[in-house]
């Protein structure tokens, strides 16, 4: 009988630890797959092994960062309508257990990155340093907070490229950065609408206005679409322009959802929107068909027969 409460507490702690690692945000590591897609390495087993390893390293370090942030912000989180339910803020996960888990995840992630190659480790350390500075200072500086979020996604994209040792395209950096800005601004807009007293949860959030965030969202969307359009125009494969209608619709759809739903607060739920999910699948299929010249290969094979 005495072991049952202990088992129950252990199970509750493990559940809290899993929630603390934000599995709903692991989709962010998908940015590391851009390099393997656009470098024509989708069929390389070695490349996949390296990218999956890099994803694991970033997931582990990101988990450690989440834990440290929640330890530092637990008092502010208790005043937030949603963040108050986080394991550390709610007391489900003790600070001591969370600290040990963060150390284990950090060491494991850095070791895995080094195992892949030194460049992945360098990028991961840069990502870690950026998050530390963000948590200590930058998150309270208006506008800088969203720019740092965009930089984090760029570092992920770079890690995916250096993991497999291919050319780092400036278009990849620009498009990734602008897409991350769109998502970050949309999330800030959602936070401003759902929080009663923004200053209590994030100092910089209280300095934003609805009008300003709406304007920033439109500006970043316009820059993203223009940059992607130029990329397709200058791409060696001219048919990449066939992806433009899908890209435009996807971004417009996100803008619509931001103003009609709460999806901006949980970007992972974009995949639950049927129209967005179908658009992403079609964009991926068309992109693969163009980059890997599948129609041409099939036609040549047919003519050869």
Protein backbone atom coordinates (compact mmCIF):
# COMPACT_ATOMS: atom_id res chain seq x y z
CA UNK A 1 0.00 0.00 0.00
CA UNK A 2 2.84 2.38 0.84
CA UNK A 3 4.35 1.92 -2.61
CA UNK A 4 1.23 3.04 -4.43
CA UNK A 5 1.48 6.75 -3.55
CA UNK A 6 5.16 6.72 -4.52
CA UNK A 7 4.33 5.09 -7.86
CA UNK A 8 1.57 7.60 -8.42
CA UNK A 9 3.91 10.51 -7.67
CA UNK A 10 6.58 9.09 -9.98
CA UNK A 11 4.09 8.69 -12.81
CA UNK A 12 2.81 12.22 -12.25
CA UNK A 13 6.38 13.55 -12.30
CA UNK A 14 7.19 11.72 -15.53
CA UNK A 15 4.06 13.09 -17.15
CA UNK A 16 4.97 16.56 -15.99
CA UNK A 17 8.49 16.17 -17.38
CA UNK A 18 7.13 15.06 -20.75
CA UNK A 19 4.77 18.03 -20.87
CA UNK A 20 7.66 20.31 -19.90
CA UNK A 21 9.56 19.17 -23.00
CA UNK A 22 6.74 20.64 -25.15
CA UNK A 23 6.17 17.70 -27.55
CA UNK A 24 3.59 19.88 -29.33
CA UNK A 25 6.46 22.19 -30.33
CA UNK A 26 8.79 19.53 -31.70
CA UNK A 27 7.48 20.43 -35.16
CA UNK A 28 9.95 23.33 -35.05
CA UNK A 29 12.80 20.87 -35.62
CA UNK A 30 11.22 20.09 -38.99
CA UNK A 31 13.10 23.15 -40.28
CA UNK A 32 16.24 20.99 -40.22
CA UNK A 33 14.74 18.93 -43.06
CA UNK A 34 14.82 21.84 -45.52
CA UNK A 35 18.48 21.22 -46.34
CA UNK A 36 17.95 17.56 -47.21
CA UNK A 37 14.96 18.48 -49.38
CA UNK A 38 16.50 21.28 -51.44
CA UNK A 39 19.94 19.66 -51.78
CA UNK A 40 18.46 16.65 -53.61
CA UNK A 41 19.51 14.33 -50.78
CA UNK A 42 16.12 12.79 -49.99
CA UNK A 43 17.30 9.35 -51.13
CA UNK A 44 20.57 9.44 -49.17
CA UNK A 45 20.49 7.13 -46.14
CA UNK A 46 23.63 8.77 -44.73
CA UNK A 47 22.10 12.25 -45.00
CA UNK A 48 18.94 11.09 -43.28
CA UNK A 49 20.93 9.59 -40.43
CA UNK A 50 22.82 12.83 -39.89
CA UNK A 51 19.72 15.02 -40.07
CA UNK A 52 17.75 12.79 -37.70
CA UNK A 53 20.68 12.96 -35.29
CA UNK A 54 20.73 16.75 -35.55
CA UNK A 55 16.99 16.86 -34.92
CA UNK A 56 17.49 14.74 -31.80
CA UNK A 57 20.26 17.04 -30.59
CA UNK A 58 18.17 20.18 -31.09
CA UNK A 59 15.13 18.57 -29.47
CA UNK A 60 17.17 17.66 -26.38
CA UNK A 61 18.77 21.10 -26.03
CA UNK A 62 15.46 22.85 -26.73
CA UNK A 63 13.91 20.73 -23.98
CA UNK A 64 16.62 21.85 -21.57
CA UNK A 65 16.01 25.47 -22.57
CA UNK A 66 12.26 25.12 -22.01
CA UNK A 67 12.88 23.73 -18.54
CA UNK A 68 15.33 26.48 -17.55
CA UNK A 69 12.99 29.18 -18.90
CA UNK A 70 10.05 27.79 -16.97
CA UNK A 71 12.11 27.60 -13.78
CA UNK A 72 13.08 31.26 -14.15
CA UNK A 73 9.60 32.39 -15.22
CA UNK A 74 7.49 30.28 -12.88
CA UNK A 75 6.21 33.29 -10.90
CA UNK A 76 5.17 35.18 -14.05
CA UNK A 77 3.68 32.03 -15.57
CA UNK A 78 1.37 31.63 -12.58
CA UNK A 79 -0.29 34.90 -13.62
CA UNK A 80 -0.84 33.74 -17.22
CA UNK A 81 -4.23 32.14 -18.07
CA UNK A 82 -2.59 29.26 -19.96
CA UNK A 83 1.02 29.12 -18.74
CA UNK A 84 -0.12 28.70 -15.13
CA UNK A 85 -0.89 25.08 -16.00
CA UNK A 86 2.70 24.31 -16.99
CA UNK A 87 4.22 21.57 -14.82
CA UNK A 88 6.74 23.74 -12.97
CA UNK A 89 4.40 26.70 -12.47
CA UNK A 90 1.60 24.43 -11.25
CA UNK A 91 3.88 22.42 -8.95
CA UNK A 92 3.46 19.14 -10.83
CA UNK A 93 7.22 19.08 -11.46
CA UNK A 94 9.65 20.14 -8.74
CA UNK A 95 12.48 22.56 -9.51
CA UNK A 96 15.13 20.06 -8.36
CA UNK A 97 13.91 17.26 -10.66
CA UNK A 98 13.52 19.71 -13.53
CA UNK A 99 17.09 20.98 -13.04
CA UNK A 100 18.56 17.46 -13.18
CA UNK A 101 16.55 16.68 -16.32
CA UNK A 102 17.76 19.90 -17.97
CA UNK A 103 21.41 19.04 -17.30
CA UNK A 104 21.00 15.51 -18.69
CA UNK A 105 19.22 16.76 -21.81
CA UNK A 106 21.80 19.50 -22.39
CA UNK A 107 24.80 17.18 -22.10
CA UNK A 108 23.14 14.52 -24.23
CA UNK A 109 22.19 16.98 -26.96
CA UNK A 110 25.67 18.54 -27.16
CA UNK A 111 27.33 15.11 -27.22
CA UNK A 112 25.06 13.95 -30.04
CA UNK A 113 25.79 17.13 -32.04
CA UNK A 114 29.54 16.58 -31.66
CA UNK A 115 29.11 12.98 -32.80
CA UNK A 116 27.57 14.24 -36.07
CA UNK A 117 30.24 16.86 -36.74
CA UNK A 118 31.85 19.94 -35.20
CA UNK A 119 29.80 22.42 -37.26
CA UNK A 120 26.52 21.06 -35.92
CA UNK A 121 27.91 21.47 -32.41
CA UNK A 122 28.93 25.07 -33.16
CA UNK A 123 25.44 25.91 -34.45
CA UNK A 124 23.80 24.20 -31.48
CA UNK A 125 26.00 26.11 -29.03
CA UNK A 126 25.04 29.34 -30.84
CA UNK A 127 21.38 28.35 -30.50
CA UNK A 128 21.88 27.65 -26.80
CA UNK A 129 23.69 30.96 -26.25
CA UNK A 130 20.98 32.85 -28.10
CA UNK A 131 18.30 31.31 -25.89
CA UNK A 132 20.20 32.11 -22.70
CA UNK A 133 20.62 35.76 -23.68
CA UNK A 134 16.99 35.85 -24.80
CA UNK A 135 15.75 34.50 -21.47
CA UNK A 136 17.90 36.89 -19.44
CA UNK A 137 17.53 40.13 -21.42
CA UNK A 138 16.14 40.11 -24.95
CA UNK A 139 12.66 38.74 -24.27
CA UNK A 140 11.77 42.01 -22.55
CA UNK A 141 12.87 44.24 -25.45
CA UNK A 142 10.00 45.03 -27.79
CA UNK A 143 10.53 43.90 -31.42
CA UNK A 144 13.85 42.29 -30.54
CA UNK A 145 11.96 39.39 -28.99
CA UNK A 146 10.36 38.37 -32.30
CA UNK A 147 13.60 38.89 -34.22
CA UNK A 148 15.38 36.48 -31.87
CA UNK A 149 12.67 33.88 -32.49
CA UNK A 150 13.30 34.21 -36.22
CA UNK A 151 17.03 33.79 -35.68
CA UNK A 152 16.41 30.56 -33.79
CA UNK A 153 14.67 29.06 -36.81
CA UNK A 154 17.52 30.17 -39.06
CA UNK A 155 20.01 28.37 -36.82
CA UNK A 156 17.92 25.21 -37.13
CA UNK A 157 17.95 25.49 -40.92
CA UNK A 158 21.72 26.03 -40.92
CA UNK A 159 22.20 22.99 -38.70
CA UNK A 160 20.26 20.84 -41.14
CA UNK A 161 22.54 22.00 -43.95
CA UNK A 162 25.91 21.64 -42.20
CA UNK A 163 24.88 18.23 -40.87
CA UNK A 164 24.94 16.84 -44.40
CA UNK A 165 27.68 19.13 -45.74
CA UNK A 166 25.84 20.83 -48.60
CA UNK A 167 25.73 24.40 -49.93
CA UNK A 168 24.01 26.91 -47.63
CA UNK A 169 21.71 28.98 -49.82
CA UNK A 170 21.00 32.59 -48.75
CA UNK A 171 17.45 32.07 -50.03
CA UNK A 172 16.97 29.34 -47.44
CA UNK A 173 18.09 31.70 -44.68
CA UNK A 174 15.88 34.58 -45.85
CA UNK A 175 12.73 32.54 -46.37
CA UNK A 176 13.16 30.67 -43.08
CA UNK A 177 13.75 33.91 -41.16
CA UNK A 178 10.72 35.66 -42.66
CA UNK A 179 8.43 32.66 -42.17
CA UNK A 180 9.50 32.48 -38.52
CA UNK A 181 8.80 36.21 -38.13
CA UNK A 182 5.30 35.73 -39.51
CA UNK A 183 4.61 32.99 -36.97
CA UNK A 184 6.21 34.95 -34.11
CA UNK A 185 4.23 38.13 -34.81
CA UNK A 186 1.04 36.09 -35.12
CA UNK A 187 1.75 34.47 -31.76
CA UNK A 188 2.38 37.83 -30.09
CA UNK A 189 -0.93 39.07 -31.47
CA UNK A 190 -2.72 36.08 -29.99
CA UNK A 191 -1.01 36.58 -26.61
CA UNK A 192 -2.02 40.23 -26.52
CA UNK A 193 -5.66 39.26 -27.10
CA UNK A 194 -5.83 36.43 -24.56
CA UNK A 195 -3.88 37.92 -21.63
CA UNK A 196 -5.71 40.24 -19.22
CA UNK A 197 -2.64 42.16 -18.09
CA UNK A 198 0.18 41.70 -20.67
CA UNK A 199 2.87 43.40 -18.57
CA UNK A 200 2.49 40.78 -15.82
CA UNK A 201 3.31 37.92 -18.17
CA UNK A 202 5.92 39.53 -20.43
CA UNK A 203 7.24 43.07 -20.11
CA UNK A 204 7.65 43.59 -23.85
CA UNK A 205 4.13 42.30 -24.58
CA UNK A 206 2.61 45.30 -22.85
CA UNK A 207 4.44 47.62 -25.25
CA UNK A 208 2.73 46.19 -28.33
CA UNK A 209 -0.65 47.25 -29.68
CA UNK A 210 -3.13 45.32 -31.81
CA UNK A 211 -2.73 47.79 -34.65
CA UNK A 212 1.06 47.58 -34.59
CA UNK A 213 1.09 43.78 -34.63
CA UNK A 214 -1.45 43.69 -37.47
CA UNK A 215 0.77 46.02 -39.50
CA UNK A 216 3.89 44.00 -38.70
CA UNK A 217 2.09 40.82 -39.74
CA UNK A 218 1.13 42.31 -43.10
CA UNK A 219 4.66 43.65 -43.68
CA UNK A 220 6.38 40.36 -42.87
CA UNK A 221 3.89 38.39 -44.98
CA UNK A 222 4.54 40.69 -47.95
CA UNK A 223 8.31 40.35 -47.54
CA UNK A 224 8.06 36.57 -47.22
CA UNK A 225 5.99 36.17 -50.38
CA UNK A 226 8.21 38.55 -52.35
CA UNK A 227 11.37 36.76 -51.23
CA UNK A 228 9.95 33.33 -52.06
CA UNK A 229 8.74 34.58 -55.44
CA UNK A 230 12.22 35.90 -56.26
CA UNK A 231 13.71 32.59 -55.17
CA UNK A 232 11.50 30.66 -57.57
CA UNK A 233 12.29 33.14 -60.37
CA UNK A 234 16.06 32.78 -59.94
CA UNK A 235 15.97 29.04 -59.27
CA UNK A 236 17.79 26.90 -61.82
CA UNK A 237 14.57 24.93 -62.24
CA UNK A 238 12.09 27.45 -63.71
CA UNK A 239 9.06 25.23 -62.91
CA UNK A 240 9.61 26.08 -59.22
CA UNK A 241 7.31 29.00 -60.00
CA UNK A 242 4.51 26.42 -60.08
CA UNK A 243 4.69 26.38 -56.28
CA UNK A 244 3.86 30.10 -56.03
CA UNK A 245 0.04 29.74 -55.96
CA UNK A 246 0.34 27.16 -53.19
CA UNK A 247 2.75 29.33 -51.18
CA UNK A 248 0.53 32.40 -51.55
CA UNK A 249 -2.59 30.50 -50.57
CA UNK A 250 -0.89 28.92 -47.56
CA UNK A 251 0.30 32.27 -46.22
CA UNK A 252 -3.05 33.93 -46.92
CA UNK A 253 -4.76 31.04 -45.16
CA UNK A 254 -2.58 31.57 -42.09
CA UNK A 255 -3.43 35.28 -42.07
CA UNK A 256 -7.12 34.36 -42.21
CA UNK A 257 -6.80 31.85 -39.36
CA UNK A 258 -4.93 34.36 -37.20
CA UNK A 259 -7.90 36.73 -37.37
CA UNK A 260 -10.65 34.13 -37.07
CA UNK A 261 -9.25 31.45 -34.74
CA UNK A 262 -6.72 31.01 -31.92
CA UNK A 263 -4.33 29.06 -34.15
CA UNK A 264 -1.62 31.73 -33.82
CA UNK A 265 -1.20 30.78 -30.18
CA UNK A 266 -0.56 27.17 -31.16
CA UNK A 267 1.10 27.08 -34.61
CA UNK A 268 1.33 23.27 -34.43
CA UNK A 269 -2.45 23.18 -34.84
CA UNK A 270 -2.06 24.54 -38.37
CA UNK A 271 -1.74 20.91 -39.45
CA UNK A 272 -5.23 20.26 -38.10
CA UNK A 273 -6.67 22.77 -40.56
CA UNK A 274 -7.65 20.67 -43.58
CA UNK A 275 -7.04 23.39 -46.16
CA UNK A 276 -3.61 24.19 -44.74
CA UNK A 277 -2.64 20.52 -44.49
CA UNK A 278 -3.63 19.80 -48.09
CA UNK A 279 -1.77 22.92 -49.27
CA UNK A 280 1.43 21.86 -47.49
CA UNK A 281 1.23 18.36 -48.96
CA UNK A 282 0.68 19.71 -52.47
CA UNK A 283 3.53 22.21 -52.07
CA UNK A 284 5.85 19.40 -50.95
CA UNK A 285 4.87 17.12 -53.83
CA UNK A 286 5.25 19.83 -56.47
CA UNK A 287 8.58 20.94 -54.98
CA UNK A 288 9.93 17.38 -55.00
CA UNK A 289 8.70 16.85 -58.55
CA UNK A 290 10.47 20.01 -59.74
CA UNK A 291 13.74 19.69 -57.82
CA UNK A 292 14.16 16.02 -58.66
CA UNK A 293 12.90 16.52 -62.22
CA UNK A 294 10.46 13.64 -61.85
CA UNK A 295 8.30 14.50 -64.90
CA UNK A 296 11.41 14.76 -67.11
CA UNK A 297 12.85 11.51 -65.76
CA UNK A 298 9.58 9.69 -66.33
CA UNK A 299 9.29 11.10 -69.85
CA UNK A 300 12.87 10.09 -70.72
CA UNK A 301 12.23 6.64 -69.34
CA UNK A 302 9.04 6.32 -71.34
CA UNK A 303 10.78 7.49 -74.54
CA UNK A 304 13.62 5.10 -73.87
CA UNK A 305 11.18 2.23 -73.67
